[in-house]
Amino acid sequence: MNVRQVQTNLLNAYERDFSKYAASGIVPRIRAVWNSVPAQLAREQRKLVYGVVRDGARAREYEVAVD
């Protein structure tokens, strides 16, 4: 197994665990944050911007997902 496959397996395992440890209603928000993190880290300003997660998003909508 190559390194890329191991990395992919780890990322997939993390994503599957979202539903194990969070309420089902918050899982889509966790996934949205999770999927936006790489693009946001690639930017010069490395802050989580909720408006990038979803257009028009507010912190109060995603704070539980981030916690």
N, C-alpha and C. Protein backbone atom coordinates (compact mmCIF):
# COMPACT_ATOMS: atom_id res chain seq x y z
N MET A 1 0.86 -1.18 0.00
CA MET A 1 0.00 0.00 0.00
C MET A 1 0.90 1.24 0.00
N ASN A 2 0.61 2.17 -0.89
CA ASN A 2 1.45 3.36 -0.95
C ASN A 2 0.97 4.43 0.03
N VAL A 3 1.80 5.44 0.20
CA VAL A 3 1.52 6.49 1.17
C VAL A 3 0.21 7.22 0.87
N ARG A 4 -0.04 7.52 -0.38
CA ARG A 4 -1.26 8.24 -0.75
C ARG A 4 -2.51 7.43 -0.37
N GLN A 5 -2.46 6.14 -0.56
CA GLN A 5 -3.59 5.28 -0.20
C GLN A 5 -3.82 5.29 1.31
N VAL A 6 -2.75 5.25 2.08
CA VAL A 6 -2.87 5.30 3.54
C VAL A 6 -3.48 6.63 3.97
N GLN A 7 -3.03 7.72 3.37
CA GLN A 7 -3.58 9.04 3.68
C GLN A 7 -5.07 9.10 3.35
N THR A 8 -5.45 8.61 2.20
CA THR A 8 -6.85 8.60 1.78
C THR A 8 -7.69 7.77 2.74
N ASN A 9 -7.17 6.62 3.15
CA ASN A 9 -7.89 5.77 4.09
C ASN A 9 -8.10 6.48 5.43
N LEU A 10 -7.09 7.20 5.90
CA LEU A 10 -7.21 7.94 7.15
C LEU A 10 -8.26 9.04 7.04
N LEU A 11 -8.22 9.79 5.95
CA LEU A 11 -9.21 10.86 5.76
C LEU A 11 -10.63 10.30 5.69
N ASN A 12 -10.79 9.20 4.99
CA ASN A 12 -12.11 8.57 4.90
C ASN A 12 -12.58 8.06 6.26
N ALA A 13 -11.67 7.53 7.06
CA ALA A 13 -12.02 7.05 8.39
C ALA A 13 -12.47 8.21 9.29
N TYR A 14 -11.76 9.34 9.21
CA TYR A 14 -12.18 10.52 9.97
C TYR A 14 -13.60 10.93 9.57
N GLU A 15 -13.85 10.94 8.29
CA GLU A 15 -15.17 11.37 7.82
C GLU A 15 -16.28 10.42 8.26
N ARG A 16 -16.00 9.14 8.26
CA ARG A 16 -16.99 8.17 8.74
C ARG A 16 -17.26 8.35 10.23
N ASP A 17 -16.27 8.76 10.98
CA ASP A 17 -16.42 8.94 12.43
C ASP A 17 -17.29 10.14 12.79
N PHE A 18 -17.48 11.07 11.90
CA PHE A 18 -18.33 12.23 12.21
C PHE A 18 -19.69 11.78 12.73
N SER A 19 -20.27 10.81 12.07
CA SER A 19 -21.62 10.37 12.45
C SER A 19 -21.61 9.53 13.73
N LYS A 20 -20.46 9.02 14.13
CA LYS A 20 -20.38 8.25 15.38
C LYS A 20 -20.41 9.16 16.60
N TYR A 21 -19.82 10.34 16.48
CA TYR A 21 -19.60 11.19 17.65
C TYR A 21 -20.39 12.49 17.65
N ALA A 22 -21.22 12.69 16.65
CA ALA A 22 -22.01 13.93 16.58
C ALA A 22 -23.45 13.59 16.23
N ALA A 23 -24.33 14.48 16.63
CA ALA A 23 -25.75 14.31 16.30
C ALA A 23 -25.92 14.36 14.79
N SER A 24 -26.86 13.59 14.29
CA SER A 24 -27.04 13.49 12.83
C SER A 24 -27.35 14.83 12.17
N GLY A 25 -27.99 15.75 12.90
CA GLY A 25 -28.32 17.05 12.33
C GLY A 25 -27.12 17.95 12.11
N ILE A 26 -26.04 17.71 12.83
CA ILE A 26 -24.86 18.56 12.73
C ILE A 26 -23.81 17.99 11.76
N VAL A 27 -23.93 16.71 11.42
CA VAL A 27 -22.94 16.05 10.56
C VAL A 27 -22.75 16.75 9.22
N PRO A 28 -23.80 17.19 8.52
CA PRO A 28 -23.57 17.89 7.24
C PRO A 28 -22.74 19.17 7.42
N ARG A 29 -22.92 19.86 8.52
CA ARG A 29 -22.12 21.07 8.78
C ARG A 29 -20.67 20.72 9.08
N ILE A 30 -20.47 19.64 9.82
CA ILE A 30 -19.09 19.19 10.09
C ILE A 30 -18.40 18.86 8.78
N ARG A 31 -19.11 18.15 7.91
CA ARG A 31 -18.52 17.78 6.61
C ARG A 31 -18.20 19.03 5.78
N ALA A 32 -19.09 20.02 5.82
CA ALA A 32 -18.86 21.24 5.05
C ALA A 32 -17.61 21.96 5.55
N VAL A 33 -17.45 22.04 6.86
CA VAL A 33 -16.25 22.67 7.43
C VAL A 33 -15.02 21.85 7.06
N TRP A 34 -15.10 20.54 7.25
CA TRP A 34 -14.00 19.63 6.95
C TRP A 34 -13.53 19.78 5.49
N ASN A 35 -14.47 19.87 4.58
CA ASN A 35 -14.12 19.98 3.16
C ASN A 35 -13.58 21.36 2.79
N SER A 36 -13.88 22.38 3.57
CA SER A 36 -13.40 23.72 3.24
C SER A 36 -12.04 24.04 3.86
N VAL A 37 -11.63 23.27 4.85
CA VAL A 37 -10.38 23.56 5.56
C VAL A 37 -9.15 23.57 4.64
N PRO A 38 -8.95 22.58 3.77
CA PRO A 38 -7.73 22.62 2.93
C PRO A 38 -7.63 23.89 2.08
N ALA A 39 -8.73 24.30 1.48
CA ALA A 39 -8.70 25.51 0.65
C ALA A 39 -8.44 26.75 1.50
N GLN A 40 -9.00 26.76 2.70
CA GLN A 40 -8.80 27.92 3.56
C GLN A 40 -7.38 27.98 4.11
N LEU A 41 -6.77 26.83 4.35
CA LEU A 41 -5.38 26.82 4.82
C LEU A 41 -4.41 27.24 3.72
N ALA A 42 -4.81 27.06 2.47
CA ALA A 42 -3.95 27.43 1.35
C ALA A 42 -3.90 28.94 1.13
N ARG A 43 -4.81 29.65 1.74
CA ARG A 43 -4.86 31.11 1.58
C ARG A 43 -3.81 31.77 2.46
N GLU A 44 -3.50 33.01 2.13
CA GLU A 44 -2.52 33.75 2.92
C GLU A 44 -3.03 33.99 4.34
N GLN A 45 -4.27 34.37 4.47
CA GLN A 45 -4.87 34.59 5.77
C GLN A 45 -5.46 33.26 6.24
N ARG A 46 -4.82 32.65 7.21
CA ARG A 46 -5.22 31.30 7.63
C ARG A 46 -6.21 31.33 8.78
N LYS A 47 -7.33 31.93 8.53
CA LYS A 47 -8.42 31.95 9.49
C LYS A 47 -9.61 31.25 8.86
N LEU A 48 -10.39 30.59 9.70
CA LEU A 48 -11.59 29.97 9.19
C LEU A 48 -12.64 31.04 8.94
N VAL A 49 -13.05 31.14 7.69
CA VAL A 49 -14.06 32.12 7.29
C VAL A 49 -15.32 31.34 6.96
N TYR A 50 -16.36 31.55 7.76
CA TYR A 50 -17.58 30.78 7.60
C TYR A 50 -18.26 31.04 6.26
N GLY A 51 -18.08 32.23 5.72
CA GLY A 51 -18.64 32.56 4.42
C GLY A 51 -18.03 31.76 3.29
N VAL A 52 -16.84 31.19 3.52
CA VAL A 52 -16.21 30.32 2.52
C VAL A 52 -16.77 28.91 2.64
N VAL A 53 -17.14 28.51 3.85
CA VAL A 53 -17.73 27.19 4.04
C VAL A 53 -19.03 27.09 3.26
N ARG A 54 -19.87 28.10 3.41
CA ARG A 54 -21.13 28.20 2.67
C ARG A 54 -21.42 29.68 2.50
N ASP A 55 -21.79 30.06 1.32
CA ASP A 55 -22.06 31.46 1.02
C ASP A 55 -23.11 32.01 2.00
N GLY A 56 -22.75 33.08 2.69
CA GLY A 56 -23.67 33.71 3.62
C GLY A 56 -23.71 33.07 5.00
N ALA A 57 -22.84 32.11 5.26
CA ALA A 57 -22.86 31.41 6.55
C ALA A 57 -22.41 32.33 7.68
N ARG A 58 -22.90 32.06 8.86
CA ARG A 58 -22.57 32.80 10.06
C ARG A 58 -21.91 31.87 11.07
N ALA A 59 -21.11 32.43 11.94
CA ALA A 59 -20.41 31.64 12.94
C ALA A 59 -21.38 30.84 13.80
N ARG A 60 -22.50 31.42 14.18
CA ARG A 60 -23.43 30.72 15.08
C ARG A 60 -24.00 29.45 14.43
N GLU A 61 -24.01 29.40 13.11
CA GLU A 61 -24.51 28.21 12.42
C GLU A 61 -23.51 27.05 12.46
N TYR A 62 -22.22 27.39 12.57
CA TYR A 62 -21.17 26.39 12.45
C TYR A 62 -20.33 26.21 13.70
N GLU A 63 -20.55 26.99 14.76
CA GLU A 63 -19.70 26.91 15.92
C GLU A 63 -19.75 25.53 16.59
N VAL A 64 -20.91 24.90 16.62
CA VAL A 64 -21.02 23.56 17.19
C VAL A 64 -20.27 22.55 16.32
N ALA A 65 -20.36 22.70 15.02
CA ALA A 65 -19.65 21.80 14.10
C ALA A 65 -18.13 21.94 14.28
N VAL A 66 -17.65 23.14 14.49
CA VAL A 66 -16.22 23.34 14.66
C VAL A 66 -15.76 22.80 16.01
N ASP A 67 -16.57 22.98 17.03
CA ASP A 67 -16.22 22.43 18.35
C ASP A 67 -16.08 20.94 18.28
